[in-house]
Amino acid sequence: MSDKRVIFLQMVFQEDGKIISEDVTKEVLRMKQEANTKKLSNEIMSVEEVAELLKIKVRSVRNKMCNGEFLEGTHYKRLSRRHVVFYKKALLEMLGLP
């Protein structure tokens, strides 16, 4: 059985037209470790996990981000254009759930 490793990539578009792919896996893992170390009640969730929690499509979650229903810095943090982590506690408070 082989071990699976998740890699998070960020695409950077430079002014000269070049596209560079940067590995942001370390930053994601650092954030998760920081959350566990400090025992924060802000559990980190992916867009897919938020969609599953709210029983909506992933595209709907992203639309809510664009529409301002989810606030950057309050409900989520953007690691790159497509890679986002949500704070579970903030989402539950917004929904009025414990």
Protein backbone atom coordinates (compact mmCIF):
# COMPACT_ATOMS: atom_id res chain seq x y z
CA MET A 1 0.00 0.00 0.00
CA SER A 2 1.45 3.38 -0.95
CA ASP A 3 1.24 6.50 1.17
CA LYS A 4 -0.72 9.36 -0.33
CA ARG A 5 0.47 12.94 0.01
CA VAL A 6 -1.68 15.99 -0.64
CA ILE A 7 0.05 18.89 -2.36
CA PHE A 8 -1.42 22.39 -2.55
CA LEU A 9 -0.25 24.53 -5.49
CA GLN A 10 -0.63 28.24 -6.12
CA MET A 11 -0.54 29.62 -9.65
CA VAL A 12 1.21 32.99 -9.95
CA PHE A 13 0.69 35.06 -13.10
CA GLN A 14 3.60 37.42 -13.69
CA GLU A 15 3.46 40.70 -15.59
CA ASP A 16 5.62 39.30 -18.40
CA GLY A 17 2.97 36.62 -19.06
CA LYS A 18 4.78 33.76 -17.37
CA ILE A 19 2.84 31.41 -15.14
CA ILE A 20 4.66 29.97 -12.15
CA SER A 21 3.38 27.17 -9.96
CA GLU A 22 4.34 27.50 -6.29
CA ASP A 23 3.96 24.81 -3.63
CA VAL A 24 1.94 26.20 -0.66
CA THR A 25 1.65 22.83 1.07
CA LYS A 26 3.98 23.91 3.89
CA GLU A 27 1.81 26.96 4.64
CA VAL A 28 -1.37 24.86 4.77
CA LEU A 29 0.25 22.29 7.04
CA ARG A 30 1.70 25.06 9.23
CA MET A 31 -1.76 26.59 9.65
CA LYS A 32 -3.26 23.23 10.58
CA GLN A 33 -0.44 22.56 13.05
CA GLU A 34 -0.83 26.05 14.53
CA ALA A 35 -4.55 25.46 15.00
CA ASN A 36 -3.86 22.14 16.73
CA THR A 37 -1.00 23.50 18.84
CA LYS A 38 -2.94 26.48 20.13
CA LYS A 39 -6.03 24.30 20.46
CA LEU A 40 -8.06 26.92 18.66
CA SER A 41 -11.74 26.28 18.33
CA ASN A 42 -11.42 27.55 14.76
CA GLU A 43 -11.15 24.20 13.03
CA ILE A 44 -9.87 24.57 9.49
CA MET A 45 -12.11 23.23 6.70
CA SER A 46 -11.76 22.96 2.94
CA VAL A 47 -14.28 24.35 0.46
CA GLU A 48 -15.48 20.80 -0.16
CA GLU A 49 -16.02 20.22 3.58
CA VAL A 50 -17.99 23.48 3.86
CA ALA A 51 -20.16 22.45 0.90
CA GLU A 52 -20.81 19.10 2.58
CA LEU A 53 -21.60 20.77 5.93
CA LEU A 54 -24.06 23.21 4.32
CA LYS A 55 -25.38 20.59 1.88
CA ILE A 56 -24.70 22.79 -1.14
CA LYS A 57 -22.43 22.53 -4.18
CA VAL A 58 -18.79 23.63 -4.11
CA ARG A 59 -19.60 26.23 -6.78
CA SER A 60 -22.27 27.69 -4.47
CA VAL A 61 -19.69 28.08 -1.69
CA ARG A 62 -17.40 29.96 -4.08
CA ASN A 63 -20.33 32.12 -5.24
CA LYS A 64 -21.09 33.01 -1.61
CA MET A 65 -17.45 34.05 -1.21
CA CYS A 66 -17.71 36.33 -4.26
CA ASN A 67 -21.07 37.75 -3.13
CA GLY A 68 -19.69 38.65 0.29
CA GLU A 69 -21.82 36.20 2.28
CA PHE A 70 -18.55 34.69 3.54
CA LEU A 71 -16.05 37.33 4.60
CA GLU A 72 -12.34 36.92 3.97
CA GLY A 73 -10.47 37.11 7.25
CA THR A 74 -13.59 36.30 9.26
CA HIS A 75 -14.97 33.12 7.69
CA TYR A 76 -12.04 32.06 5.53
CA LYS A 77 -8.44 32.72 4.57
CA ARG A 78 -7.27 32.69 0.97
CA LEU A 79 -3.98 30.82 0.51
CA SER A 80 -4.03 31.35 -3.25
CA ARG A 81 -6.62 32.19 -5.85
CA ARG A 82 -8.27 28.76 -5.62
CA HIS A 83 -7.00 27.40 -2.30
CA VAL A 84 -9.06 28.58 0.63
CA VAL A 85 -9.41 27.39 4.22
CA PHE A 86 -12.54 28.11 6.25
CA TYR A 87 -12.87 28.59 9.99
CA LYS A 88 -15.53 26.18 11.24
CA LYS A 89 -16.35 28.18 14.39
CA ALA A 90 -17.02 31.36 12.40
CA LEU A 91 -19.29 29.49 9.97
CA LEU A 92 -21.27 27.87 12.77
CA GLU A 93 -21.67 31.22 14.53
CA MET A 94 -22.90 32.79 11.29
CA LEU A 95 -25.48 30.00 10.96
CA GLY A 96 -26.48 30.29 14.62
CA LEU A 97 -25.33 26.75 15.42
CA PRO A 98 -23.36 25.70 18.53
